[in-house]
């Protein structure tokens, strides 16, 4: 006598009757901005303008032309929104584009200094109160130090130690693996700390760099 065959499970078909998960507000904003919706572009700009301005000023130092760099960053962001696959990654995308534009500007400034279009040590004065003289002098010395770094090293330094981004965010913003970013930062910290300790102004005001990702 043959044993009864167990019934085979019928293949299940996808249930298309269930409503699709709604887009997140970030996804809707990105999609509308990609389509050229001016209101969406304005919302994106207003949401990230402060972040971009802070990033540029910390990367390049105080100066009258940082707004031009910020404008260039947003032009690049809107142009490259099609590259953004995951709308939730929009903040990191903004930082990555911003750092790229800032690196290019740093390279251009260095070239202009080399060919004599601007003094190499030129740093625009920022308005300060009487009690901020030491801080301004330390900031000037710090940016003079940063001017000696390559554009990518400067970008890594600003992202990690001035913006205080997490290591994984720094790596993603620079298109590096986490291990590569760690190695580059370790070498960079050693170089920068040596120069900081050799400068009385920076040694007193900044101290040692690399303590928990900050000054």
N, C-alpha and C. Protein backbone atom coordinates (compact mmCIF):
# COMPACT_ATOMS: atom_id res chain seq x y z
N UNK A 1 0.86 -1.20 0.00
CA UNK A 1 0.00 0.00 0.00
C UNK A 1 0.88 1.23 0.00
N UNK A 2 0.59 2.09 -0.91
CA UNK A 2 1.39 3.30 -1.03
C UNK A 2 1.02 4.29 0.04
N UNK A 3 2.07 4.92 0.59
CA UNK A 3 1.80 5.97 1.59
C UNK A 3 1.20 7.17 0.91
N UNK A 4 0.32 7.81 1.58
CA UNK A 4 -0.32 9.00 1.01
C UNK A 4 0.72 10.10 0.83
N UNK A 5 0.72 10.69 -0.32
CA UNK A 5 1.67 11.78 -0.57
C UNK A 5 1.24 13.03 0.16
N UNK A 6 2.20 13.65 0.77
CA UNK A 6 1.87 14.92 1.44
C UNK A 6 1.61 15.98 0.40
N UNK A 7 0.60 16.74 0.56
CA UNK A 7 0.27 17.77 -0.45
C UNK A 7 1.38 18.80 -0.56
N UNK A 8 1.73 19.14 -1.77
CA UNK A 8 2.76 20.16 -2.01
C UNK A 8 2.16 21.54 -1.81
N UNK A 9 2.91 22.36 -1.20
CA UNK A 9 2.44 23.73 -0.98
C UNK A 9 2.35 24.46 -2.30
N UNK A 10 1.24 25.08 -2.50
CA UNK A 10 1.06 25.87 -3.72
C UNK A 10 1.94 27.09 -3.67
N UNK A 11 2.60 27.43 -4.78
CA UNK A 11 3.43 28.64 -4.78
C UNK A 11 2.59 29.87 -4.50
N UNK A 12 3.10 30.68 -3.62
CA UNK A 12 2.36 31.90 -3.28
C UNK A 12 2.69 33.00 -4.27
N UNK A 13 1.72 33.76 -4.61
CA UNK A 13 1.92 34.89 -5.52
C UNK A 13 1.99 36.17 -4.71
N UNK A 14 2.77 37.12 -5.18
CA UNK A 14 2.85 38.38 -4.43
C UNK A 14 1.49 39.06 -4.33
N UNK A 15 1.26 39.62 -3.20
CA UNK A 15 -0.01 40.30 -2.95
C UNK A 15 0.11 41.75 -3.37
N UNK A 16 -0.39 42.01 -4.58
CA UNK A 16 -0.31 43.38 -5.09
C UNK A 16 -1.44 44.25 -4.57
N UNK A 17 -2.33 43.63 -3.79
CA UNK A 17 -3.46 44.43 -3.29
C UNK A 17 -3.05 45.29 -2.09
N UNK A 18 -1.94 44.90 -1.41
CA UNK A 18 -1.50 45.68 -0.26
C UNK A 18 -0.95 47.02 -0.73
N UNK A 19 -1.31 48.10 -0.07
CA UNK A 19 -0.81 49.41 -0.50
C UNK A 19 0.69 49.52 -0.31
N UNK A 20 1.36 50.18 -1.24
CA UNK A 20 2.80 50.37 -1.14
C UNK A 20 3.13 51.31 0.01
N UNK A 21 4.28 51.08 0.62
CA UNK A 21 4.70 51.95 1.72
C UNK A 21 4.89 53.37 1.21
N UNK A 22 4.37 54.35 1.92
CA UNK A 22 4.47 55.73 1.45
C UNK A 22 5.92 56.21 1.46
N UNK A 23 6.23 57.12 0.55
CA UNK A 23 7.56 57.71 0.52
C UNK A 23 7.81 58.50 1.80
N UNK A 24 9.06 58.50 2.22
CA UNK A 24 9.43 59.35 3.34
C UNK A 24 9.45 60.80 2.86
N UNK A 25 9.30 61.76 3.76
CA UNK A 25 9.38 63.17 3.35
C UNK A 25 10.70 63.49 2.65
N UNK A 26 11.79 62.85 3.10
CA UNK A 26 13.09 63.10 2.47
C UNK A 26 13.08 62.61 1.02
N UNK A 27 12.47 61.43 0.79
CA UNK A 27 12.41 60.88 -0.57
C UNK A 27 11.56 61.78 -1.46
N UNK A 28 10.45 62.28 -0.94
CA UNK A 28 9.60 63.17 -1.71
C UNK A 28 10.34 64.46 -2.07
N UNK A 29 11.10 64.98 -1.10
CA UNK A 29 11.85 66.21 -1.34
C UNK A 29 12.91 65.99 -2.42
N UNK A 30 13.65 64.89 -2.32
CA UNK A 30 14.70 64.60 -3.30
C UNK A 30 14.09 64.42 -4.69
N UNK A 31 13.01 63.65 -4.77
CA UNK A 31 12.39 63.41 -6.07
C UNK A 31 11.88 64.71 -6.70
N UNK A 32 11.27 65.57 -5.89
CA UNK A 32 10.76 66.85 -6.42
C UNK A 32 11.90 67.75 -6.86
N UNK A 33 12.99 67.78 -6.07
CA UNK A 33 14.13 68.62 -6.45
C UNK A 33 14.78 68.11 -7.72
N UNK A 34 14.86 66.78 -7.88
CA UNK A 34 15.40 66.21 -9.12
C UNK A 34 14.57 66.65 -10.33
N UNK A 35 13.25 66.77 -10.12
CA UNK A 35 12.36 67.15 -11.22
C UNK A 35 12.38 68.64 -11.49
N UNK A 36 13.16 69.38 -10.69
CA UNK A 36 13.28 70.82 -10.92
C UNK A 36 12.25 71.65 -10.20
N UNK A 37 11.55 71.08 -9.22
CA UNK A 37 10.57 71.82 -8.44
C UNK A 37 11.29 72.90 -7.63
N UNK A 38 11.00 74.15 -7.92
CA UNK A 38 11.72 75.24 -7.27
C UNK A 38 11.45 75.29 -5.77
N UNK A 39 10.24 74.98 -5.38
CA UNK A 39 9.92 75.00 -3.95
C UNK A 39 10.73 73.92 -3.22
N UNK A 40 10.83 72.75 -3.83
CA UNK A 40 11.62 71.67 -3.21
C UNK A 40 13.09 72.07 -3.12
N UNK A 41 13.59 72.71 -4.17
CA UNK A 41 14.99 73.16 -4.16
C UNK A 41 15.22 74.19 -3.06
N UNK A 42 14.24 75.07 -2.87
CA UNK A 42 14.37 76.09 -1.83
C UNK A 42 14.35 75.43 -0.45
N UNK A 43 13.47 74.46 -0.25
CA UNK A 43 13.40 73.76 1.03
C UNK A 43 14.72 73.06 1.31
N UNK A 44 15.26 72.39 0.29
CA UNK A 44 16.54 71.70 0.46
C UNK A 44 17.63 72.69 0.83
N UNK A 45 17.66 73.82 0.11
CA UNK A 45 18.67 74.86 0.40
C UNK A 45 18.51 75.38 1.83
N UNK A 46 17.28 75.73 2.23
CA UNK A 46 17.08 76.30 3.56
C UNK A 46 17.41 75.30 4.66
N UNK A 47 17.20 74.02 4.38
CA UNK A 47 17.48 72.98 5.38
C UNK A 47 18.97 72.78 5.60
N UNK A 48 19.76 72.95 4.54
CA UNK A 48 21.19 72.62 4.63
C UNK A 48 22.11 73.82 4.47
N UNK A 49 21.57 75.02 4.33
CA UNK A 49 22.41 76.21 4.13
C UNK A 49 23.35 76.44 5.30
N UNK A 50 22.84 76.33 6.52
CA UNK A 50 23.69 76.57 7.69
C UNK A 50 24.82 75.56 7.77
N UNK A 51 24.52 74.30 7.49
CA UNK A 51 25.55 73.25 7.50
C UNK A 51 26.63 73.55 6.47
N UNK A 52 26.23 73.91 5.27
CA UNK A 52 27.19 74.17 4.19
C UNK A 52 28.04 75.40 4.52
N UNK A 53 27.41 76.46 5.00
CA UNK A 53 28.15 77.68 5.34
C UNK A 53 29.18 77.41 6.44
N UNK A 54 28.77 76.65 7.46
CA UNK A 54 29.70 76.32 8.54
C UNK A 54 30.86 75.48 8.02
N UNK A 55 30.55 74.52 7.18
CA UNK A 55 31.58 73.64 6.63
C UNK A 55 32.60 74.44 5.82
N UNK A 56 32.13 75.34 4.98
CA UNK A 56 33.03 76.13 4.13
C UNK A 56 33.89 77.06 4.97
N UNK A 57 33.29 77.73 5.94
CA UNK A 57 34.06 78.68 6.76
C UNK A 57 35.10 77.95 7.60
N UNK A 58 34.77 76.77 8.07
CA UNK A 58 35.75 76.01 8.85
C UNK A 58 36.83 75.42 7.95
N UNK A 59 36.50 75.12 6.72
CA UNK A 59 37.48 74.55 5.81
C UNK A 59 38.43 75.62 5.29
N UNK A 60 37.89 76.75 4.85
CA UNK A 60 38.69 77.78 4.19
C UNK A 60 39.09 78.92 5.11
N UNK A 61 38.46 79.02 6.27
CA UNK A 61 38.75 80.15 7.13
C UNK A 61 37.84 81.32 6.78
N UNK A 62 37.84 82.37 7.61
CA UNK A 62 36.99 83.52 7.37
C UNK A 62 37.42 84.26 6.11
N UNK A 63 36.44 84.80 5.42
CA UNK A 63 36.76 85.54 4.20
C UNK A 63 35.49 86.00 3.51
N UNK A 64 35.59 87.00 2.65
CA UNK A 64 34.39 87.56 2.02
C UNK A 64 33.81 86.71 0.90
N UNK A 65 34.57 85.73 0.39
CA UNK A 65 34.11 85.00 -0.78
C UNK A 65 33.54 83.63 -0.46
N UNK A 66 33.32 83.33 0.82
CA UNK A 66 32.84 81.99 1.15
C UNK A 66 31.43 81.77 0.63
N UNK A 67 30.65 82.82 0.48
CA UNK A 67 29.29 82.67 -0.06
C UNK A 67 29.32 82.17 -1.49
N UNK A 68 30.31 82.59 -2.27
CA UNK A 68 30.44 82.09 -3.64
C UNK A 68 30.70 80.59 -3.65
N UNK A 69 31.51 80.13 -2.70
CA UNK A 69 31.79 78.70 -2.60
C UNK A 69 30.52 77.95 -2.20
N UNK A 70 29.75 78.50 -1.27
CA UNK A 70 28.49 77.87 -0.85
C UNK A 70 27.53 77.76 -2.03
N UNK A 71 27.46 78.81 -2.83
CA UNK A 71 26.58 78.78 -4.01
C UNK A 71 27.02 77.68 -4.97
N UNK A 72 28.32 77.55 -5.17
CA UNK A 72 28.83 76.50 -6.05
C UNK A 72 28.48 75.12 -5.51
N UNK A 73 28.53 74.96 -4.20
CA UNK A 73 28.19 73.68 -3.60
C UNK A 73 26.74 73.30 -3.90
N UNK A 74 25.83 74.25 -3.73
CA UNK A 74 24.43 73.92 -3.98
C UNK A 74 24.16 73.68 -5.45
N UNK A 75 24.85 74.38 -6.33
CA UNK A 75 24.70 74.09 -7.75
C UNK A 75 25.12 72.66 -8.05
N UNK A 76 26.22 72.21 -7.43
CA UNK A 76 26.68 70.83 -7.62
C UNK A 76 25.69 69.84 -7.01
N UNK A 77 25.15 70.18 -5.84
CA UNK A 77 24.18 69.28 -5.20
C UNK A 77 22.98 69.05 -6.10
N UNK A 78 22.41 70.14 -6.62
CA UNK A 78 21.23 70.00 -7.46
C UNK A 78 21.55 69.25 -8.76
N UNK A 79 22.75 69.48 -9.28
CA UNK A 79 23.14 68.81 -10.52
C UNK A 79 23.36 67.31 -10.32
N UNK A 80 23.81 66.92 -9.12
CA UNK A 80 24.19 65.53 -8.88
C UNK A 80 23.16 64.75 -8.06
N UNK A 81 21.97 65.32 -7.84
CA UNK A 81 20.97 64.61 -7.04
C UNK A 81 20.62 63.25 -7.65
N UNK A 82 20.77 63.12 -8.95
CA UNK A 82 20.48 61.84 -9.59
C UNK A 82 21.39 60.73 -9.14
N UNK A 83 22.54 61.07 -8.56
CA UNK A 83 23.47 60.05 -8.06
C UNK A 83 23.06 59.51 -6.70
N UNK A 84 22.13 60.18 -6.04
CA UNK A 84 21.73 59.80 -4.68
C UNK A 84 20.70 58.68 -4.76
N UNK A 85 21.11 57.47 -4.38
CA UNK A 85 20.21 56.32 -4.45
C UNK A 85 19.31 56.20 -3.24
N UNK A 86 19.82 56.58 -2.07
CA UNK A 86 19.06 56.46 -0.83
C UNK A 86 18.81 57.84 -0.25
N UNK A 87 17.55 58.34 -0.33
CA UNK A 87 17.27 59.69 0.16
C UNK A 87 17.66 59.92 1.61
N UNK A 88 17.65 58.86 2.43
CA UNK A 88 18.04 59.03 3.84
C UNK A 88 19.50 59.44 3.98
N UNK A 89 20.28 59.21 2.92
CA UNK A 89 21.70 59.57 2.96
C UNK A 89 21.94 61.00 2.49
N UNK A 90 20.89 61.79 2.35
CA UNK A 90 21.03 63.16 1.84
C UNK A 90 21.99 64.01 2.67
N UNK A 91 21.95 64.00 4.01
CA UNK A 91 22.91 64.83 4.76
C UNK A 91 24.36 64.47 4.44
N UNK A 92 24.68 63.18 4.40
CA UNK A 92 26.03 62.78 4.06
C UNK A 92 26.42 63.16 2.65
N UNK A 93 25.45 63.10 1.73
CA UNK A 93 25.68 63.51 0.34
C UNK A 93 26.02 64.99 0.28
N UNK A 94 25.28 65.81 1.03
CA UNK A 94 25.54 67.25 1.06
C UNK A 94 26.94 67.53 1.57
N UNK A 95 27.34 66.85 2.64
CA UNK A 95 28.68 67.04 3.21
C UNK A 95 29.74 66.61 2.21
N UNK A 96 29.52 65.47 1.55
CA UNK A 96 30.50 64.96 0.59
C UNK A 96 30.71 65.93 -0.56
N UNK A 97 29.62 66.45 -1.12
CA UNK A 97 29.72 67.43 -2.21
C UNK A 97 30.39 68.70 -1.70
N UNK A 98 30.01 69.14 -0.51
CA UNK A 98 30.59 70.36 0.06
C UNK A 98 32.09 70.24 0.25
N UNK A 99 32.54 69.12 0.77
CA UNK A 99 33.97 68.92 0.96
C UNK A 99 34.70 68.87 -0.38
N UNK A 100 34.08 68.26 -1.37
CA UNK A 100 34.71 68.20 -2.69
C UNK A 100 34.91 69.58 -3.29
N UNK A 101 33.89 70.43 -3.21
CA UNK A 101 34.01 71.79 -3.74
C UNK A 101 35.04 72.58 -2.93
N UNK A 102 35.01 72.42 -1.61
CA UNK A 102 35.98 73.14 -0.76
C UNK A 102 37.41 72.71 -1.07
N UNK A 103 37.62 71.41 -1.33
CA UNK A 103 38.96 70.95 -1.70
C UNK A 103 39.42 71.59 -3.00
N UNK A 104 38.53 71.65 -3.97
CA UNK A 104 38.88 72.29 -5.25
C UNK A 104 39.23 73.76 -5.05
N UNK A 105 38.48 74.44 -4.19
CA UNK A 105 38.75 75.86 -3.94
C UNK A 105 40.10 76.01 -3.24
N UNK A 106 40.41 75.11 -2.31
CA UNK A 106 41.71 75.17 -1.63
C UNK A 106 42.85 74.99 -2.63
N UNK A 107 42.67 74.07 -3.58
CA UNK A 107 43.70 73.87 -4.61
C UNK A 107 43.85 75.12 -5.47
N UNK A 108 42.72 75.73 -5.84
CA UNK A 108 42.80 76.95 -6.67
C UNK A 108 43.51 78.07 -5.91
N UNK A 109 43.22 78.20 -4.63
CA UNK A 109 43.88 79.25 -3.85
C UNK A 109 45.37 79.01 -3.76
N UNK A 110 45.75 77.75 -3.61
CA UNK A 110 47.18 77.45 -3.54
C UNK A 110 47.87 77.76 -4.87
N UNK A 111 47.21 77.44 -5.97
CA UNK A 111 47.79 77.73 -7.29
C UNK A 111 47.92 79.24 -7.48
N UNK A 112 46.88 79.99 -7.09
CA UNK A 112 46.94 81.44 -7.22
C UNK A 112 48.08 82.01 -6.39
N UNK A 113 48.29 81.43 -5.19
CA UNK A 113 49.38 81.91 -4.34
C UNK A 113 50.74 81.60 -4.99
N UNK A 114 50.85 80.41 -5.59
CA UNK A 114 52.11 80.01 -6.20
C UNK A 114 52.48 80.93 -7.35
N UNK A 115 51.50 81.29 -8.16
CA UNK A 115 51.80 82.14 -9.32
C UNK A 115 51.78 83.62 -8.96
N UNK A 116 51.56 83.93 -7.69
CA UNK A 116 51.68 85.31 -7.24
C UNK A 116 50.44 86.16 -7.40
N UNK A 117 49.28 85.54 -7.60
CA UNK A 117 48.07 86.34 -7.75
C UNK A 117 47.59 86.87 -6.40
N UNK A 118 47.88 86.12 -5.33
CA UNK A 118 47.55 86.59 -3.97
C UNK A 118 48.71 86.20 -3.08
N UNK A 119 48.96 86.95 -2.00
CA UNK A 119 50.03 86.55 -1.07
C UNK A 119 49.74 85.18 -0.49
N UNK A 120 50.77 84.37 -0.31
CA UNK A 120 50.57 83.01 0.17
C UNK A 120 49.99 82.97 1.57
N UNK A 121 50.35 83.96 2.40
CA UNK A 121 49.87 83.93 3.77
C UNK A 121 48.65 84.82 3.98
N UNK A 122 48.00 85.21 2.87
CA UNK A 122 46.84 86.10 3.01
C UNK A 122 45.71 85.39 3.72
N UNK A 123 45.17 86.01 4.73
CA UNK A 123 44.01 85.49 5.44
C UNK A 123 43.14 86.68 5.79
N UNK A 124 41.92 86.77 5.22
CA UNK A 124 41.08 87.95 5.48
C UNK A 124 40.80 88.11 6.96
N UNK A 125 40.79 89.34 7.38
CA UNK A 125 40.51 89.63 8.77
C UNK A 125 39.03 89.42 9.06
N UNK A 126 38.74 88.86 10.21
CA UNK A 126 37.35 88.71 10.64
C UNK A 126 37.10 89.69 11.78
N UNK A 127 35.93 90.33 11.81
CA UNK A 127 35.66 91.28 12.89
C UNK A 127 35.63 90.56 14.24
N UNK A 128 36.39 91.07 15.20
CA UNK A 128 36.45 90.45 16.53
C UNK A 128 36.41 91.53 17.59
N UNK A 129 36.03 91.14 18.78
CA UNK A 129 36.04 92.07 19.90
C UNK A 129 37.46 92.16 20.45
N UNK A 130 37.66 93.11 21.37
CA UNK A 130 39.00 93.33 21.90
C UNK A 130 39.54 92.11 22.63
N UNK A 131 38.65 91.32 23.25
CA UNK A 131 39.09 90.17 24.01
C UNK A 131 39.35 88.93 23.20
N UNK A 132 39.21 89.02 21.87
CA UNK A 132 39.37 87.83 21.03
C UNK A 132 40.69 87.82 20.27
N UNK A 133 41.61 88.69 20.66
CA UNK A 133 42.87 88.77 19.93
C UNK A 133 43.64 87.47 19.92
N UNK A 134 43.72 86.80 21.08
CA UNK A 134 44.46 85.55 21.15
C UNK A 134 43.80 84.47 20.32
N UNK A 135 42.48 84.41 20.39
CA UNK A 135 41.76 83.40 19.61
C UNK A 135 41.95 83.64 18.12
N UNK A 136 41.93 84.91 17.70
CA UNK A 136 42.13 85.22 16.28
C UNK A 136 43.54 84.85 15.84
N UNK A 137 44.51 85.11 16.69
CA UNK A 137 45.89 84.76 16.35
C UNK A 137 46.05 83.24 16.24
N UNK A 138 45.40 82.51 17.15
CA UNK A 138 45.45 81.04 17.07
C UNK A 138 44.76 80.54 15.82
N UNK A 139 43.61 81.15 15.47
CA UNK A 139 42.90 80.74 14.26
C UNK A 139 43.75 81.01 13.03
N UNK A 140 44.42 82.16 13.00
CA UNK A 140 45.30 82.49 11.88
C UNK A 140 46.42 81.44 11.76
N UNK A 141 47.02 81.11 12.91
CA UNK A 141 48.11 80.12 12.89
C UNK A 141 47.60 78.76 12.44
N UNK A 142 46.39 78.40 12.89
CA UNK A 142 45.83 77.11 12.49
C UNK A 142 45.60 77.04 10.99
N UNK A 143 45.02 78.10 10.41
CA UNK A 143 44.75 78.07 8.97
C UNK A 143 46.04 78.17 8.16
N UNK A 144 47.03 78.81 8.69
CA UNK A 144 48.33 78.79 8.02
C UNK A 144 48.90 77.37 8.02
N UNK A 145 48.68 76.66 9.12
CA UNK A 145 49.11 75.25 9.18
C UNK A 145 48.32 74.43 8.17
N UNK A 146 47.00 74.62 8.12
CA UNK A 146 46.17 73.85 7.19
C UNK A 146 46.56 74.13 5.74
N UNK A 147 47.02 75.36 5.47
CA UNK A 147 47.43 75.70 4.11
C UNK A 147 48.64 74.89 3.65
N UNK A 148 49.37 74.31 4.59
CA UNK A 148 50.54 73.50 4.21
C UNK A 148 50.14 72.06 3.88
N UNK A 149 48.88 71.68 4.16
CA UNK A 149 48.42 70.33 3.88
C UNK A 149 47.89 70.23 2.46
N UNK A 150 47.92 69.03 1.91
CA UNK A 150 47.25 68.80 0.64
C UNK A 150 45.75 68.95 0.81
N UNK A 151 45.03 69.12 -0.30
CA UNK A 151 43.60 69.39 -0.23
C UNK A 151 42.84 68.25 0.45
N UNK A 152 43.21 67.01 0.15
CA UNK A 152 42.47 65.90 0.74
C UNK A 152 42.79 65.75 2.23
N UNK A 153 44.06 65.94 2.60
CA UNK A 153 44.40 65.88 4.02
C UNK A 153 43.68 66.99 4.80
N UNK A 154 43.62 68.15 4.20
CA UNK A 154 42.92 69.26 4.85
C UNK A 154 41.44 68.90 5.02
N UNK A 155 40.86 68.28 4.00
CA UNK A 155 39.46 67.88 4.05
C UNK A 155 39.23 66.85 5.15
N UNK A 156 40.13 65.87 5.26
CA UNK A 156 40.02 64.86 6.31
C UNK A 156 40.11 65.51 7.69
N UNK A 157 41.05 66.44 7.83
CA UNK A 157 41.25 67.11 9.12
C UNK A 157 40.00 67.89 9.52
N UNK A 158 39.47 68.67 8.60
CA UNK A 158 38.31 69.49 8.91
C UNK A 158 37.11 68.61 9.25
N UNK A 159 36.89 67.56 8.46
CA UNK A 159 35.74 66.69 8.69
C UNK A 159 35.81 66.02 10.06
N UNK A 160 36.98 65.53 10.42
CA UNK A 160 37.11 64.76 11.66
C UNK A 160 37.28 65.63 12.89
N UNK A 161 38.13 66.65 12.82
CA UNK A 161 38.52 67.36 14.03
C UNK A 161 37.86 68.73 14.19
N UNK A 162 37.31 69.28 13.13
CA UNK A 162 36.59 70.55 13.26
C UNK A 162 35.09 70.32 13.20
N UNK A 163 34.63 69.57 12.17
CA UNK A 163 33.22 69.20 12.11
C UNK A 163 32.89 68.08 13.10
N UNK A 164 33.92 67.35 13.57
CA UNK A 164 33.75 66.27 14.53
C UNK A 164 32.80 65.19 14.01
N UNK A 165 32.98 64.84 12.74
CA UNK A 165 32.20 63.77 12.15
C UNK A 165 32.73 62.42 12.65
N UNK A 166 31.84 61.42 12.69
CA UNK A 166 32.26 60.08 13.05
C UNK A 166 33.18 59.52 11.96
N UNK A 167 34.04 58.58 12.35
CA UNK A 167 34.99 58.01 11.40
C UNK A 167 34.30 57.42 10.17
N UNK A 168 33.19 56.73 10.40
CA UNK A 168 32.50 56.12 9.27
C UNK A 168 31.94 57.19 8.33
N UNK A 169 31.53 58.32 8.89
CA UNK A 169 31.03 59.42 8.06
C UNK A 169 32.17 60.07 7.28
N UNK A 170 33.32 60.22 7.92
CA UNK A 170 34.49 60.78 7.24
C UNK A 170 34.88 59.90 6.07
N UNK A 171 34.92 58.59 6.30
CA UNK A 171 35.30 57.66 5.24
C UNK A 171 34.32 57.75 4.07
N UNK A 172 33.03 57.75 4.38
CA UNK A 172 32.01 57.80 3.32
C UNK A 172 32.09 59.11 2.53
N UNK A 173 32.31 60.22 3.23
CA UNK A 173 32.36 61.52 2.56
C UNK A 173 33.55 61.63 1.63
N UNK A 174 34.61 60.83 1.87
CA UNK A 174 35.81 60.90 1.05
C UNK A 174 35.96 59.70 0.12
N UNK A 175 34.95 58.85 0.07
CA UNK A 175 35.01 57.70 -0.81
C UNK A 175 36.11 56.72 -0.44
N UNK A 176 36.38 56.58 0.86
CA UNK A 176 37.44 55.68 1.34
C UNK A 176 36.82 54.56 2.17
N UNK A 177 37.57 53.47 2.28
CA UNK A 177 37.19 52.45 3.25
C UNK A 177 37.48 53.00 4.64
N UNK A 178 36.83 52.40 5.64
CA UNK A 178 37.04 52.86 7.01
C UNK A 178 38.49 52.66 7.43
N UNK A 179 39.09 51.54 7.05
CA UNK A 179 40.47 51.28 7.43
C UNK A 179 41.43 52.28 6.80
N UNK A 180 41.17 52.64 5.54
CA UNK A 180 42.02 53.64 4.88
C UNK A 180 41.90 54.99 5.56
N UNK A 181 40.66 55.38 5.88
CA UNK A 181 40.46 56.66 6.56
C UNK A 181 41.17 56.69 7.90
N UNK A 182 41.12 55.59 8.63
CA UNK A 182 41.80 55.53 9.93
C UNK A 182 43.30 55.69 9.77
N UNK A 183 43.87 55.01 8.77
CA UNK A 183 45.32 55.11 8.56
C UNK A 183 45.72 56.52 8.17
N UNK A 184 44.96 57.11 7.25
CA UNK A 184 45.28 58.47 6.79
C UNK A 184 45.18 59.45 7.95
N UNK A 185 44.15 59.31 8.77
CA UNK A 185 43.97 60.24 9.89
C UNK A 185 45.06 60.06 10.95
N UNK A 186 45.46 58.82 11.17
CA UNK A 186 46.52 58.59 12.17
C UNK A 186 47.82 59.28 11.74
N UNK A 187 48.18 59.14 10.46
CA UNK A 187 49.38 59.81 9.96
C UNK A 187 49.22 61.33 10.00
N UNK A 188 48.03 61.79 9.66
CA UNK A 188 47.76 63.22 9.64
C UNK A 188 47.84 63.81 11.05
N UNK A 189 47.28 63.13 12.03
CA UNK A 189 47.32 63.61 13.41
C UNK A 189 48.76 63.74 13.88
N UNK A 190 49.60 62.75 13.55
CA UNK A 190 51.00 62.81 13.96
C UNK A 190 51.70 64.02 13.36
N UNK A 191 51.45 64.28 12.07
CA UNK A 191 52.08 65.42 11.40
C UNK A 191 51.61 66.74 12.00
N UNK A 192 50.29 66.87 12.14
CA UNK A 192 49.72 68.13 12.61
C UNK A 192 50.13 68.39 14.06
N UNK A 193 50.09 67.36 14.90
CA UNK A 193 50.46 67.55 16.30
C UNK A 193 51.91 68.01 16.43
N UNK A 194 52.79 67.47 15.59
CA UNK A 194 54.19 67.89 15.64
C UNK A 194 54.30 69.38 15.36
N UNK A 195 53.52 69.87 14.40
CA UNK A 195 53.58 71.29 14.05
C UNK A 195 52.89 72.14 15.11
N UNK A 196 51.82 71.62 15.70
CA UNK A 196 51.13 72.35 16.76
C UNK A 196 52.07 72.54 17.95
N UNK A 197 52.77 71.48 18.33
CA UNK A 197 53.66 71.56 19.48
C UNK A 197 54.85 72.47 19.22
N UNK A 198 55.20 72.66 17.95
CA UNK A 198 56.30 73.55 17.61
C UNK A 198 55.88 75.02 17.57
N UNK A 199 54.57 75.28 17.65
CA UNK A 199 54.05 76.65 17.61
C UNK A 199 53.57 77.05 18.99
N UNK A 200 54.20 78.05 19.63
CA UNK A 200 53.76 78.47 20.97
C UNK A 200 52.28 78.86 21.01
N UNK A 201 51.81 79.55 19.96
CA UNK A 201 50.42 79.99 19.95
C UNK A 201 49.48 78.80 19.90
N UNK A 202 49.74 77.87 18.98
CA UNK A 202 48.86 76.72 18.85
C UNK A 202 49.00 75.76 20.01
N UNK A 203 50.20 75.60 20.51
CA UNK A 203 50.41 74.67 21.62
C UNK A 203 49.59 75.09 22.83
N UNK A 204 49.53 76.39 23.09
CA UNK A 204 48.79 76.88 24.25
C UNK A 204 47.29 76.88 24.01
N UNK A 205 46.88 77.24 22.79
CA UNK A 205 45.45 77.43 22.53
C UNK A 205 44.75 76.14 22.11
N UNK A 206 45.45 75.31 21.32
CA UNK A 206 44.83 74.10 20.77
C UNK A 206 45.14 72.88 21.62
N UNK A 207 46.37 72.77 22.09
CA UNK A 207 46.76 71.58 22.83
C UNK A 207 47.06 70.43 21.87
N UNK A 208 46.66 69.22 22.24
CA UNK A 208 46.90 68.03 21.40
C UNK A 208 45.64 67.72 20.61
N UNK A 209 45.84 67.34 19.35
CA UNK A 209 44.73 66.98 18.47
C UNK A 209 44.58 65.47 18.47
N UNK A 210 43.33 65.03 18.36
CA UNK A 210 43.09 63.61 18.26
C UNK A 210 42.58 62.99 19.53
N UNK A 211 42.25 63.81 20.53
CA UNK A 211 41.71 63.28 21.77
C UNK A 211 40.21 63.10 21.61
N UNK A 212 39.80 61.89 21.25
CA UNK A 212 38.36 61.62 21.10
C UNK A 212 37.74 62.32 19.92
N UNK A 213 38.53 62.61 18.90
CA UNK A 213 37.96 63.19 17.69
C UNK A 213 37.79 64.68 17.76
N UNK A 214 38.49 65.35 18.66
CA UNK A 214 38.34 66.80 18.75
C UNK A 214 39.65 67.39 19.18
N UNK A 215 39.71 68.73 19.32
CA UNK A 215 40.92 69.39 19.80
C UNK A 215 41.10 69.10 21.29
